[in-house]
Amino acid sequence: MTSRNVTIQNNVGLHARPATFFIQKANTYQSSIWVEKEDRRVNAKSLLGVLSLGITKGMTITLIADGNDEKAALDGLAELIDTGFGE
């Protein structure tokens, strides 16, 4: 199991469009992946779960992955977040 803290950079946070990109990317990996904000943890492959966290610009979240490609999953998702989801 591996984890990494990332800070949301895009102006609108993880609203519907960037959350969709995030979930699509998460689903390309075999590992189980979670997003954790404060005391809540949700499945990173679930749109409703990710949206329910209410993640906005400047928030730091923790990405957690467990599986064969966990490092690649965290690297790919962190890169997507760091580039602002192309917005």
C-alpha atoms as a PDB file:
ATOM      1  CA  MET A   1       0.000   0.000   0.000  1.00  0.00           C
ATOM      2  CA  THR A   2       1.320   3.418  -1.017  1.00  0.00           C
ATOM      3  CA  SER A   3       0.016   6.924  -0.367  1.00  0.00           C
ATOM      4  CA  ARG A   4       0.787  10.443  -1.519  1.00  0.00           C
ATOM      5  CA  ASN A   5      -0.496  13.884  -0.569  1.00  0.00           C
ATOM      6  CA  VAL A   6      -1.427  16.198  -3.441  1.00  0.00           C
ATOM      7  CA  THR A   7      -2.826  19.717  -3.519  1.00  0.00           C
ATOM      8  CA  ILE A   8      -5.611  20.592  -5.942  1.00  0.00           C
ATOM      9  CA  GLN A   9      -4.380  23.334  -8.306  1.00  0.00           C
ATOM     10  CA  ASN A  10      -7.224  23.995 -10.743  1.00  0.00           C
ATOM     11  CA  ASN A  11      -9.575  26.905 -10.026  1.00  0.00           C
ATOM     12  CA  VAL A  12     -12.793  24.945  -9.545  1.00  0.00           C
ATOM     13  CA  GLY A  13     -11.468  21.910  -7.664  1.00  0.00           C
ATOM     14  CA  LEU A  14     -12.859  18.468  -8.390  1.00  0.00           C
ATOM     15  CA  HIS A  15     -16.248  19.397  -9.839  1.00  0.00           C
ATOM     16  CA  ALA A  16     -17.996  17.122 -12.337  1.00  0.00           C
ATOM     17  CA  ARG A  17     -15.704  17.496 -15.362  1.00  0.00           C
ATOM     18  CA  PRO A  18     -12.296  17.127 -13.673  1.00  0.00           C
ATOM     19  CA  ALA A  19     -13.709  14.442 -11.363  1.00  0.00           C
ATOM     20  CA  THR A  20     -14.759  12.498 -14.456  1.00  0.00           C
ATOM     21  CA  PHE A  21     -11.217  12.753 -15.868  1.00  0.00           C
ATOM     22  CA  PHE A  22      -9.850  11.653 -12.502  1.00  0.00           C
ATOM     23  CA  ILE A  23     -12.124   8.619 -12.298  1.00  0.00           C
ATOM     24  CA  GLN A  24     -11.438   7.616 -15.895  1.00  0.00           C
ATOM     25  CA  LYS A  25      -7.705   7.729 -15.157  1.00  0.00           C
ATOM     26  CA  ALA A  26      -8.140   5.790 -11.893  1.00  0.00           C
ATOM     27  CA  ASN A  27     -10.045   3.086 -13.754  1.00  0.00           C
ATOM     28  CA  THR A  28      -7.082   2.462 -16.060  1.00  0.00           C
ATOM     29  CA  TYR A  29      -5.193   0.921 -13.123  1.00  0.00           C
ATOM     30  CA  GLN A  30      -5.722  -2.501 -11.555  1.00  0.00           C
ATOM     31  CA  SER A  31      -4.912  -1.335  -8.031  1.00  0.00           C
ATOM     32  CA  SER A  32      -7.552  -0.373  -5.516  1.00  0.00           C
ATOM     33  CA  ILE A  33      -7.372   3.407  -5.177  1.00  0.00           C
ATOM     34  CA  TRP A  34      -8.892   5.693  -2.559  1.00  0.00           C
ATOM     35  CA  VAL A  35      -9.078   9.438  -2.021  1.00  0.00           C
ATOM     36  CA  GLU A  36      -8.899  10.645   1.552  1.00  0.00           C
ATOM     37  CA  LYS A  37      -9.857  14.121   2.783  1.00  0.00           C
ATOM     38  CA  GLU A  38      -9.649  14.742   6.503  1.00  0.00           C
ATOM     39  CA  ASP A  39     -11.405  11.734   8.066  1.00  0.00           C
ATOM     40  CA  ARG A  40     -13.303  10.536   4.973  1.00  0.00           C
ATOM     41  CA  ARG A  41     -12.054   7.957   2.486  1.00  0.00           C
ATOM     42  CA  VAL A  42     -13.824   7.129  -0.784  1.00  0.00           C
ATOM     43  CA  ASN A  43     -13.193   4.885  -3.750  1.00  0.00           C
ATOM     44  CA  ALA A  44     -11.288   6.897  -6.380  1.00  0.00           C
ATOM     45  CA  LYS A  45     -13.108   4.954  -9.093  1.00  0.00           C
ATOM     46  CA  SER A  46     -16.529   6.219  -7.943  1.00  0.00           C
ATOM     47  CA  LEU A  47     -17.787   9.533  -9.328  1.00  0.00           C
ATOM     48  CA  LEU A  48     -20.325  10.019  -6.535  1.00  0.00           C
ATOM     49  CA  GLY A  49     -17.732   9.174  -3.920  1.00  0.00           C
ATOM     50  CA  VAL A  50     -15.199  11.681  -5.238  1.00  0.00           C
ATOM     51  CA  LEU A  51     -17.806  14.410  -5.722  1.00  0.00           C
ATOM     52  CA  SER A  52     -19.138  13.840  -2.193  1.00  0.00           C
ATOM     53  CA  LEU A  53     -15.823  15.016  -0.741  1.00  0.00           C
ATOM     54  CA  GLY A  54     -16.395  18.565  -1.992  1.00  0.00           C
ATOM     55  CA  ILE A  55     -12.755  19.075  -2.971  1.00  0.00           C
ATOM     56  CA  THR A  56     -11.921  22.686  -3.877  1.00  0.00           C
ATOM     57  CA  LYS A  57      -8.838  24.579  -5.036  1.00  0.00           C
ATOM     58  CA  GLY A  58      -6.004  24.598  -2.525  1.00  0.00           C
ATOM     59  CA  MET A  59      -7.173  21.535  -0.579  1.00  0.00           C
ATOM     60  CA  THR A  60      -4.674  18.796   0.105  1.00  0.00           C
ATOM     61  CA  ILE A  61      -5.946  15.252  -0.316  1.00  0.00           C
ATOM     62  CA  THR A  62      -4.302  11.883   0.130  1.00  0.00           C
ATOM     63  CA  LEU A  63      -4.263   9.347  -2.684  1.00  0.00           C
ATOM     64  CA  ILE A  64      -3.910   5.740  -1.521  1.00  0.00           C
ATOM     65  CA  ALA A  65      -3.282   2.783  -3.810  1.00  0.00           C
ATOM     66  CA  ASP A  66      -2.887  -0.909  -3.148  1.00  0.00           C
ATOM     67  CA  GLY A  67      -2.021  -3.414  -5.859  1.00  0.00           C
ATOM     68  CA  ASN A  68       0.419  -4.418  -8.584  1.00  0.00           C
ATOM     69  CA  ASP A  69       0.530  -0.990 -10.252  1.00  0.00           C
ATOM     70  CA  GLU A  70       0.084   1.195  -7.165  1.00  0.00           C
ATOM     71  CA  LYS A  71       3.126   3.395  -7.837  1.00  0.00           C
ATOM     72  CA  ALA A  72       2.120   3.980 -11.457  1.00  0.00           C
ATOM     73  CA  ALA A  73      -1.432   4.769 -10.324  1.00  0.00           C
ATOM     74  CA  LEU A  74      -0.297   7.395  -7.833  1.00  0.00           C
ATOM     75  CA  ASP A  75       2.178   8.875 -10.320  1.00  0.00           C
ATOM     76  CA  GLY A  76      -0.482   9.118 -13.043  1.00  0.00           C
ATOM     77  CA  LEU A  77      -3.175  10.593 -10.819  1.00  0.00           C
ATOM     78  CA  ALA A  78      -0.772  13.070  -9.194  1.00  0.00           C
ATOM     79  CA  GLU A  79       0.359  14.222 -12.643  1.00  0.00           C
ATOM     80  CA  LEU A  80      -3.269  14.726 -13.711  1.00  0.00           C
ATOM     81  CA  ILE A  81      -3.925  16.824 -10.610  1.00  0.00           C
ATOM     82  CA  ASP A  82      -0.664  18.792 -10.940  1.00  0.00           C
ATOM     83  CA  THR A  83      -1.512  19.768 -14.527  1.00  0.00           C
ATOM     84  CA  GLY A  84      -4.907  21.129 -13.454  1.00  0.00           C
ATOM     85  CA  PHE A  85      -6.908  18.535 -15.429  1.00  0.00           C
ATOM     86  CA  GLY A  86      -6.161  20.487 -18.616  1.00  0.00           C
ATOM     87  CA  GLU A  87      -8.357  23.391 -17.526  1.00  0.00           C
END
